[in-house]
């Protein structure tokens, strides 16, 4: 009797990722990355941020293309709604980071994904950012991520994928741990 070996393809090159991890274990200084974005004010609450280059693996790197992101606020804030709010981009970043992690972990564990959908909600009391109440924080009070994952796996295996993705997510870490941020004027 022959057993067919099914090829798992979630679009993640795990061999390259594991090779990079091994190479970086021999040169940990190359694992230090500096990510960059720049932002220009357009008008009102509308700004346009761009991402193009970064530093990593010991040298300057470039994305294949320059990416632009418009941010604004909705009309209910007396704005023009030319783009998502900055806090919505935080949710987008978290969704993308966790979803990429699910795909990578699934590929590494030999689990075929059929579909992955993450739905995110972040609760915020805007009295803080409006200066109405000093005791109300400016950021999210609560963020909820709900995954709907169809995979050739048990529920326990799918939950383990999500847990490992969360454990390794840079954006999850940014939201759940204090990060030193300096702001200066030149």
Foldseek 3Di string as FASTA:
>chain_A
DDDDDDQACLPDDLVVVVVVVVVCVVVVVQADKAFDKDKDADDDQKIKIKGFWIGGRHGIDGDPDIDIAIAGDDCVVVTDCPHHHPLVVLVVLVQVQLVVQLSNVCNVVVKHWPDKDKDKDFDADCCCVVVNDVVGDRGTPDMDIDMDTDIPDDPVVSVVSSVVSCVPGPSNCPVPDDDDDDDDDD
